[in-house]
Amino acid sequence: MFNVARVLTLSFLALAMFIYPQEVLSSAAEGLTLWWRFVLPALLPFFILSELLMTSGFVHFLGVLLESFMRPVFRLPGKAAFVVAMGYTSGFPMGAVLTARLRNDGEITREEGERLLAFTNNPSPGFMFGAVASGMLGKPSLGILLAGSVYLANLIVGFLFRFYRVTSVSQQSSSFPSFRRAWQEMKNAQNRDRRTFGQVLGDAIKQSTNTVLMVAGFMAFFAVILRLLNLWHITFLLASLSHHIIQIIPVSVFQALFNGIFEMTLGCQEAIQALFLLDQQVALLALLMGWGGLSVFAQVAGLISGTDLRFSSFLIARTLHAIIALGLSQVFLMIAKVPTSNQLVQISETPVFFWNTWHLSSLVFMGCLSILAVLALVRVRHS
């Protein structure tokens, strides 16, 4: 029955693409434009860098030093700290890529992989600061508030997931962290990989390019689906039905919400157009960025399909992340005392260039590595 429904759905989708060729072309082009401007510069360099760091044994080095920190806080091995740093730096779907890699290499268990997958997927800092705060809202200063809400909410989700599928057998590290042991682990990892640096670099570029091209395909495909849903007024009908149930929320807000559930970027754009009060705009933006969109869900599902990781944990985590990010955004607005009443925010047409995305991602990356280095030094000093 499921296979028949899938065939009928795909056949109907193919027919719709033949009926609306111009809309399919323009929506796919819009999705690829977003990929070219924001995703490619934010992801590809860090994909390559992460592959090189993993093959160099840096993950094993970091794992020894941060084992005694990651276990009590997140119930994860020290190697997971590298995934956290890269996931918070580069945005979707870096966390899923590296989690799947660690699981396939046998570095983490199934439950640890699902815990790690739950809180290492965020929008990129370039998207939050550049595309949303500066480009859509026209208020670059709100980038800190939005990013803080999203990042802190995800850390809270990670702490909550330490209670996810806890086994009776504790896997706490039995030895104290030391630079000597960490260095030896890194050397052992390097000795196990017999490839030359040229081979390692070539494989890293090849694999990273394939992954980022897969992301482009997902973005273009879901942009087409969302355009067709809007042409058939399906999202408008869902919004109207929701408005009849909760009449205090306008139809336009529900439509922005449903569009954001499918694709985050379009939902963020419509959220700003549908709402006039800044606190409401920030609330819906934080909710949508915490959720991520079904396009991201499909990317993550595709990346972990070669592992035994369950997708249900990721779905639960995204729901929690969206709700917590919304709440934190309102708390931060009150603390920052940003005016929110009777404030009409215009959308800026200022383009966001490659430098903005790369610069912000680099700053976040260096900040994450600095925090990890400080934590490692503190753990070694107190051992």
Protein backbone atom coordinates (compact mmCIF):
# COMPACT_ATOMS: atom_id res chain seq x y z
CA MET A 1 0.00 0.00 0.00
CA PHE A 2 2.83 2.38 0.89
CA ASN A 3 4.66 1.67 -2.38
CA VAL A 4 1.50 2.33 -4.42
CA ALA A 5 0.96 5.66 -2.64
CA ARG A 6 4.57 6.63 -3.23
CA VAL A 7 4.34 5.82 -6.94
CA LEU A 8 1.12 7.81 -7.29
CA THR A 9 2.61 10.77 -5.44
CA LEU A 10 5.74 10.80 -7.59
CA SER A 11 3.68 10.43 -10.77
CA PHE A 12 1.49 13.35 -9.73
CA LEU A 13 4.59 15.42 -8.95
CA ALA A 14 6.11 14.60 -12.36
CA LEU A 15 2.86 15.61 -14.08
CA ALA A 16 2.81 18.88 -12.16
CA MET A 17 6.35 19.66 -13.30
CA PHE A 18 5.30 19.19 -16.93
CA ILE A 19 2.26 21.44 -16.42
CA TYR A 20 4.27 24.24 -14.72
CA PRO A 21 7.70 24.15 -16.42
CA GLN A 22 8.43 27.87 -15.96
CA GLU A 23 7.62 27.80 -12.24
CA VAL A 24 9.76 24.68 -11.78
CA LEU A 25 12.65 26.35 -13.57
CA SER A 26 12.46 29.60 -11.59
CA SER A 27 12.03 27.92 -8.20
CA ALA A 28 14.92 25.52 -8.82
CA ALA A 29 17.06 28.49 -9.88
CA GLU A 30 16.15 30.32 -6.65
CA GLY A 31 17.12 27.31 -4.57
CA LEU A 32 20.45 26.99 -6.36
CA THR A 33 21.07 30.73 -5.98
CA LEU A 34 20.65 30.43 -2.22
CA TRP A 35 23.02 27.47 -2.26
CA TRP A 36 25.61 29.39 -4.29
CA ARG A 37 25.49 32.54 -2.17
CA PHE A 38 25.22 31.11 1.34
CA VAL A 39 25.68 27.34 1.54
CA LEU A 40 28.63 26.70 -0.76
CA PRO A 41 31.04 29.27 0.75
CA ALA A 42 29.96 28.37 4.28
CA LEU A 43 30.20 24.60 3.92
CA LEU A 44 32.76 23.50 1.32
CA PRO A 45 35.94 24.88 2.99
CA PHE A 46 34.88 23.44 6.34
CA PHE A 47 33.92 20.08 4.81
CA ILE A 48 37.43 19.78 3.38
CA LEU A 49 39.04 21.00 6.61
CA SER A 50 37.04 18.57 8.74
CA GLU A 51 38.08 15.63 6.52
CA LEU A 52 41.73 16.63 6.80
CA LEU A 53 41.52 17.05 10.58
CA MET A 54 39.86 13.68 11.02
CA THR A 55 42.44 11.86 8.92
CA SER A 56 45.28 13.67 10.73
CA GLY A 57 44.22 12.20 14.07
CA PHE A 58 43.19 15.55 15.54
CA VAL A 59 39.83 14.09 16.56
CA HIS A 60 41.57 11.39 18.61
CA PHE A 61 43.86 14.01 20.17
CA LEU A 62 40.88 16.14 21.16
CA GLY A 63 38.96 13.09 22.29
CA VAL A 64 41.47 12.17 24.97
CA LEU A 65 41.70 15.70 26.35
CA LEU A 66 37.94 16.36 26.46
CA GLU A 67 36.67 12.92 27.45
CA SER A 68 36.27 13.92 31.10
CA PHE A 69 34.28 17.01 30.07
CA MET A 70 32.00 15.58 27.39
CA ARG A 71 31.01 12.48 29.39
CA PRO A 72 29.53 14.23 32.46
CA VAL A 73 27.86 17.03 30.50
CA PHE A 74 26.54 15.34 27.35
CA ARG A 75 27.24 11.63 28.01
CA LEU A 76 29.37 11.56 24.86
CA PRO A 77 33.01 10.64 24.14
CA GLY A 78 35.60 13.37 23.83
CA LYS A 79 35.75 12.88 20.05
CA ALA A 80 32.24 14.33 19.84
CA ALA A 81 33.61 17.77 20.80
CA PHE A 82 35.04 18.09 17.29
CA VAL A 83 31.60 17.49 15.77
CA VAL A 84 30.08 20.10 18.09
CA ALA A 85 32.67 22.70 17.06
CA MET A 86 32.29 22.03 13.34
CA GLY A 87 28.50 21.79 13.52
CA TYR A 88 28.19 25.15 15.25
CA THR A 89 30.64 26.70 12.81
CA SER A 90 29.37 25.58 9.43
CA GLY A 91 25.64 25.00 9.86
CA PHE A 92 23.41 22.36 8.25
CA PRO A 93 24.24 19.55 7.58
CA MET A 94 27.83 19.42 8.93
CA GLY A 95 26.78 17.82 12.21
CA ALA A 96 25.05 14.98 10.38
CA VAL A 97 28.02 14.44 8.04
CA LEU A 98 30.55 14.10 10.87
CA THR A 99 28.23 12.10 13.14
CA ALA A 100 27.65 9.57 10.36
CA ARG A 101 31.40 9.43 9.75
CA LEU A 102 32.19 8.70 13.41
CA ARG A 103 29.47 6.06 13.56
CA ASN A 104 30.66 4.32 10.39
CA ASP A 105 34.22 4.31 11.77
CA GLY A 106 32.98 2.74 15.02
CA GLU A 107 34.16 5.68 17.13
CA ILE A 108 30.75 6.15 18.80
CA THR A 109 27.86 3.85 19.68
CA ARG A 110 24.41 4.06 18.16
CA GLU A 111 22.94 5.86 21.18
CA GLU A 112 25.88 8.28 21.30
CA GLY A 113 25.44 9.02 17.62
CA GLU A 114 21.77 9.84 18.13
CA ARG A 115 22.59 12.10 21.08
CA LEU A 116 25.25 13.86 19.02
CA LEU A 117 22.98 14.22 16.00
CA ALA A 118 20.35 15.87 18.20
CA PHE A 119 22.27 19.08 18.96
CA THR A 120 24.99 19.59 16.33
CA ASN A 121 22.81 20.96 13.51
CA ASN A 122 22.24 24.72 13.31
CA PRO A 123 21.87 27.39 10.67
CA SER A 124 25.29 28.76 9.76
CA PRO A 125 26.45 31.97 11.48
CA GLY A 126 26.68 33.59 8.05
CA PHE A 127 22.99 32.87 7.46
CA MET A 128 21.86 34.17 10.86
CA PHE A 129 24.03 37.29 10.91
CA GLY A 130 24.17 38.08 7.21
CA ALA A 131 21.04 36.77 5.52
CA VAL A 132 18.49 37.16 8.33
CA ALA A 133 19.66 39.92 10.68
CA SER A 134 21.34 42.19 8.12
CA GLY A 135 19.63 41.29 4.85
CA MET A 136 16.03 40.47 5.86
CA LEU A 137 15.54 42.42 9.10
CA GLY A 138 17.91 45.25 8.25
CA LYS A 139 19.24 45.15 11.83
CA PRO A 140 22.72 43.55 12.02
CA SER A 141 22.82 43.97 15.81
CA LEU A 142 20.00 41.44 16.18
CA GLY A 143 22.27 38.76 14.74
CA ILE A 144 23.83 38.25 18.17
CA LEU A 145 20.40 37.83 19.75
CA LEU A 146 19.18 35.36 17.13
CA ALA A 147 22.41 33.35 17.07
CA GLY A 148 22.57 33.31 20.87
CA SER A 149 19.01 32.00 21.08
CA VAL A 150 19.64 29.26 18.50
CA TYR A 151 23.03 28.16 19.83
CA LEU A 152 22.10 28.19 23.51
CA ALA A 153 18.85 26.35 22.80
CA ASN A 154 20.78 23.63 21.00
CA LEU A 155 23.21 23.26 23.91
CA ILE A 156 20.22 22.86 26.23
CA VAL A 157 18.84 20.17 23.90
CA GLY A 158 22.23 18.44 24.04
CA PHE A 159 22.17 18.45 27.83
CA LEU A 160 18.61 17.11 27.88
CA PHE A 161 19.59 14.33 25.48
CA ARG A 162 22.21 13.07 27.92
CA PHE A 163 19.24 11.23 29.47
CA TYR A 164 18.31 9.67 26.12
CA ARG A 165 18.56 5.84 26.09
CA VAL A 166 20.92 5.68 29.06
CA THR A 167 22.39 2.21 29.57
CA SER A 168 23.12 0.76 32.96
CA VAL A 169 26.79 0.38 32.13
CA SER A 170 28.70 3.63 32.54
CA GLN A 171 31.32 4.45 29.94
CA GLN A 172 33.21 7.04 31.94
CA SER A 173 36.86 7.45 31.10
CA SER A 174 39.04 5.47 33.49
CA SER A 175 42.23 7.54 33.03
CA PHE A 176 43.10 11.20 33.42
CA PRO A 177 43.62 13.32 30.31
CA SER A 178 47.21 14.09 29.38
CA PHE A 179 48.93 15.64 26.41
CA ARG A 180 51.27 12.67 26.14
CA ARG A 181 48.46 10.15 25.85
CA ALA A 182 46.52 12.45 23.50
CA TRP A 183 49.58 12.86 21.29
CA GLN A 184 50.11 9.09 21.22
CA GLU A 185 46.49 8.52 20.18
CA MET A 186 46.90 11.01 17.35
CA LYS A 187 50.11 9.27 16.16
CA ASN A 188 48.39 5.87 16.27
CA ALA A 189 45.53 7.21 14.14
CA GLN A 190 47.99 8.63 11.62
CA ASN A 191 49.88 5.31 11.44
CA ARG A 192 46.67 3.43 10.66
CA ASP A 193 46.09 5.62 7.59
CA ARG A 194 48.71 4.67 4.99
CA ARG A 195 47.69 7.26 2.39
CA THR A 196 49.98 10.08 1.35
CA PHE A 197 48.97 13.68 2.00
CA GLY A 198 48.15 14.13 -1.69
CA GLN A 199 45.77 11.18 -1.57
CA VAL A 200 44.19 12.43 1.65
CA LEU A 201 43.68 15.91 0.21
CA GLY A 202 42.25 14.55 -3.04
CA ASP A 203 39.84 12.23 -1.21
CA ALA A 204 38.78 15.06 1.12
CA ILE A 205 38.01 17.40 -1.80
CA LYS A 206 36.18 14.66 -3.72
CA GLN A 207 34.02 13.61 -0.78
CA SER A 208 33.31 17.18 0.31
CA THR A 209 32.32 18.22 -3.20
CA ASN A 210 29.94 15.27 -3.52
CA THR A 211 28.33 16.14 -0.19
CA VAL A 212 27.86 19.84 -0.94
CA LEU A 213 26.43 19.01 -4.39
CA MET A 214 23.96 16.66 -2.71
CA VAL A 215 22.88 19.56 -0.50
CA ALA A 216 22.34 21.67 -3.63
CA GLY A 217 20.10 18.98 -5.09
CA PHE A 218 17.99 18.81 -1.95
CA MET A 219 17.59 22.60 -1.86
CA ALA A 220 16.54 22.81 -5.52
CA PHE A 221 14.12 19.88 -5.24
CA PHE A 222 12.39 21.19 -2.12
CA ALA A 223 12.21 24.69 -3.59
CA VAL A 224 10.25 23.19 -6.50
CA ILE A 225 7.93 21.24 -4.19
CA LEU A 226 7.25 24.31 -2.08
CA ARG A 227 6.49 26.41 -5.19
CA LEU A 228 4.00 23.78 -6.38
CA LEU A 229 2.35 23.67 -2.95
CA ASN A 230 1.94 27.45 -3.08
CA LEU A 231 0.60 27.33 -6.66
CA TRP A 232 -2.04 24.85 -5.55
CA HIS A 233 -2.75 27.04 -2.47
CA ILE A 234 -2.16 24.06 -0.17
CA THR A 235 -0.18 26.09 2.36
CA PHE A 236 -2.85 28.82 2.20
CA LEU A 237 -5.59 26.26 2.88
CA LEU A 238 -3.64 24.87 5.84
CA ALA A 239 -3.11 28.41 7.11
CA SER A 240 -6.82 29.25 6.74
CA LEU A 241 -7.82 26.09 8.58
CA SER A 242 -5.39 26.88 11.39
CA HIS A 243 -6.73 30.45 11.56
CA HIS A 244 -10.26 29.12 12.09
CA ILE A 245 -8.95 27.09 15.02
CA ILE A 246 -6.76 29.86 16.50
CA GLN A 247 -8.36 33.08 15.28
CA ILE A 248 -6.03 35.48 17.09
CA ILE A 249 -3.19 34.53 14.71
CA PRO A 250 -3.54 35.95 11.15
CA VAL A 251 -3.61 33.71 8.10
CA SER A 252 -0.40 35.29 6.77
CA VAL A 253 1.49 34.27 9.89
CA PHE A 254 0.28 30.68 9.62
CA GLN A 255 1.25 30.65 5.95
CA ALA A 256 4.77 31.88 6.80
CA LEU A 257 4.95 29.19 9.48
CA PHE A 258 3.93 26.38 7.11
CA ASN A 259 6.31 27.61 4.43
CA GLY A 260 9.07 27.70 7.03
CA ILE A 261 8.26 24.16 8.10
CA PHE A 262 9.04 23.10 4.53
CA GLU A 263 11.93 25.48 3.78
CA MET A 264 13.58 27.68 6.41
CA THR A 265 14.82 30.54 4.23
CA LEU A 266 11.48 31.25 2.53
CA GLY A 267 9.70 30.97 5.87
CA CYS A 268 12.04 33.55 7.42
CA GLN A 269 11.40 35.97 4.56
CA GLU A 270 7.63 35.63 4.84
CA ALA A 271 7.71 35.87 8.65
CA ILE A 272 9.18 39.36 8.43
CA GLN A 273 6.61 40.40 5.84
CA ALA A 274 3.67 38.94 7.79
CA LEU A 275 4.50 40.51 11.16
CA PHE A 276 5.09 44.14 12.10
CA LEU A 277 6.21 43.94 15.74
CA LEU A 278 9.86 43.13 16.24
CA ASP A 279 9.34 40.73 19.14
CA GLN A 280 6.90 38.68 17.05
CA GLN A 281 9.27 38.64 14.10
CA VAL A 282 12.19 37.49 16.25
CA ALA A 283 10.03 34.82 17.90
CA LEU A 284 8.95 33.28 14.59
CA LEU A 285 12.46 33.56 13.13
CA ALA A 286 13.97 31.76 16.13
CA LEU A 287 11.29 29.07 15.89
CA LEU A 288 11.92 28.46 12.18
CA MET A 289 15.71 28.47 12.49
CA GLY A 290 15.51 26.07 15.41
CA TRP A 291 13.27 23.76 13.36
CA GLY A 292 15.41 23.88 10.21
CA GLY A 293 12.86 22.81 7.59
CA LEU A 294 11.96 19.57 5.85
CA SER A 295 14.68 20.21 3.29
CA VAL A 296 17.28 19.92 6.06
CA PHE A 297 15.45 16.89 7.44
CA ALA A 298 15.78 15.18 4.06
CA GLN A 299 19.49 16.04 3.91
CA VAL A 300 20.11 14.56 7.36
CA ALA A 301 18.04 11.46 6.55
CA GLY A 302 20.08 10.92 3.41
CA LEU A 303 23.40 11.37 5.20
CA ILE A 304 22.62 8.90 8.00
CA SER A 305 20.95 6.36 5.72
CA GLY A 306 24.17 4.34 5.61
CA THR A 307 24.24 4.01 9.39
CA ASP A 308 21.98 2.47 12.03
CA LEU A 309 21.13 5.87 13.55
CA ARG A 310 17.41 6.45 14.13
CA PHE A 311 15.91 9.57 12.59
CA SER A 312 13.24 9.89 15.30
CA SER A 313 15.72 11.33 17.79
CA PHE A 314 16.61 14.11 15.35
CA LEU A 315 12.92 14.95 14.84
CA ILE A 316 12.32 15.19 18.58
CA ALA A 317 15.42 17.33 19.03
CA ARG A 318 14.39 19.77 16.28
CA THR A 319 10.98 20.24 17.89
CA LEU A 320 12.55 20.92 21.30
CA HIS A 321 15.13 23.21 19.74
CA ALA A 322 12.48 25.31 17.99
CA ILE A 323 10.41 25.79 21.14
CA ILE A 324 13.39 26.58 23.40
CA ALA A 325 14.91 28.98 20.84
CA LEU A 326 11.61 30.88 20.64
CA GLY A 327 11.47 31.24 24.43
CA LEU A 328 15.10 32.32 24.74
CA SER A 329 14.70 34.93 22.00
CA GLN A 330 11.95 36.64 23.98
CA VAL A 331 13.98 36.51 27.18
CA PHE A 332 16.99 38.04 25.41
CA LEU A 333 14.77 40.75 23.91
CA MET A 334 13.58 41.74 27.37
CA ILE A 335 17.12 41.71 28.79
CA ALA A 336 18.48 43.76 25.87
CA LYS A 337 15.51 46.14 26.17
CA VAL A 338 15.04 46.37 22.41
CA PRO A 339 11.96 48.46 21.44
CA THR A 340 9.30 46.19 20.00
CA SER A 341 6.03 48.13 19.89
CA ASN A 342 4.71 49.87 16.79
CA GLN A 343 7.93 49.21 14.94
CA LEU A 344 7.74 48.53 11.24
CA VAL A 345 10.87 46.79 10.04
CA GLN A 346 11.68 47.16 6.39
CA ILE A 347 13.47 44.46 4.45
CA SER A 348 16.90 45.47 3.28
CA GLU A 349 18.00 44.66 -0.24
CA THR A 350 21.68 44.72 0.75
CA PRO A 351 23.34 41.62 -0.69
CA VAL A 352 25.35 39.29 1.50
CA PHE A 353 28.65 38.48 -0.12
CA PHE A 354 31.06 35.57 0.25
CA TRP A 355 33.26 37.47 2.70
CA ASN A 356 30.45 37.92 5.20
CA THR A 357 29.66 34.22 5.33
CA TRP A 358 33.28 33.09 5.42
CA HIS A 359 34.38 35.71 7.95
CA LEU A 360 31.59 34.93 10.41
CA SER A 361 32.03 31.17 10.05
CA SER A 362 35.78 31.55 10.60
CA LEU A 363 35.24 33.62 13.73
CA VAL A 364 32.84 31.05 15.15
CA PHE A 365 35.24 28.23 14.25
CA MET A 366 38.16 29.93 16.00
CA GLY A 367 35.95 30.68 18.98
CA CYS A 368 34.86 27.05 19.27
CA LEU A 369 38.44 25.80 19.02
CA SER A 370 39.56 28.35 21.63
CA ILE A 371 36.86 27.21 24.05
CA LEU A 372 37.79 23.56 23.50
CA ALA A 373 41.49 24.37 24.04
CA VAL A 374 40.73 26.17 27.31
CA LEU A 375 38.58 23.26 28.51
CA ALA A 376 41.33 20.80 27.61
CA LEU A 377 43.95 22.83 29.50
CA VAL A 378 41.71 23.09 32.55
CA ARG A 379 41.03 19.34 32.58
CA VAL A 380 44.74 18.51 32.20
CA ARG A 381 45.77 20.96 34.88
CA HIS A 382 43.29 19.54 37.39
CA SER A 383 44.12 15.91 36.61
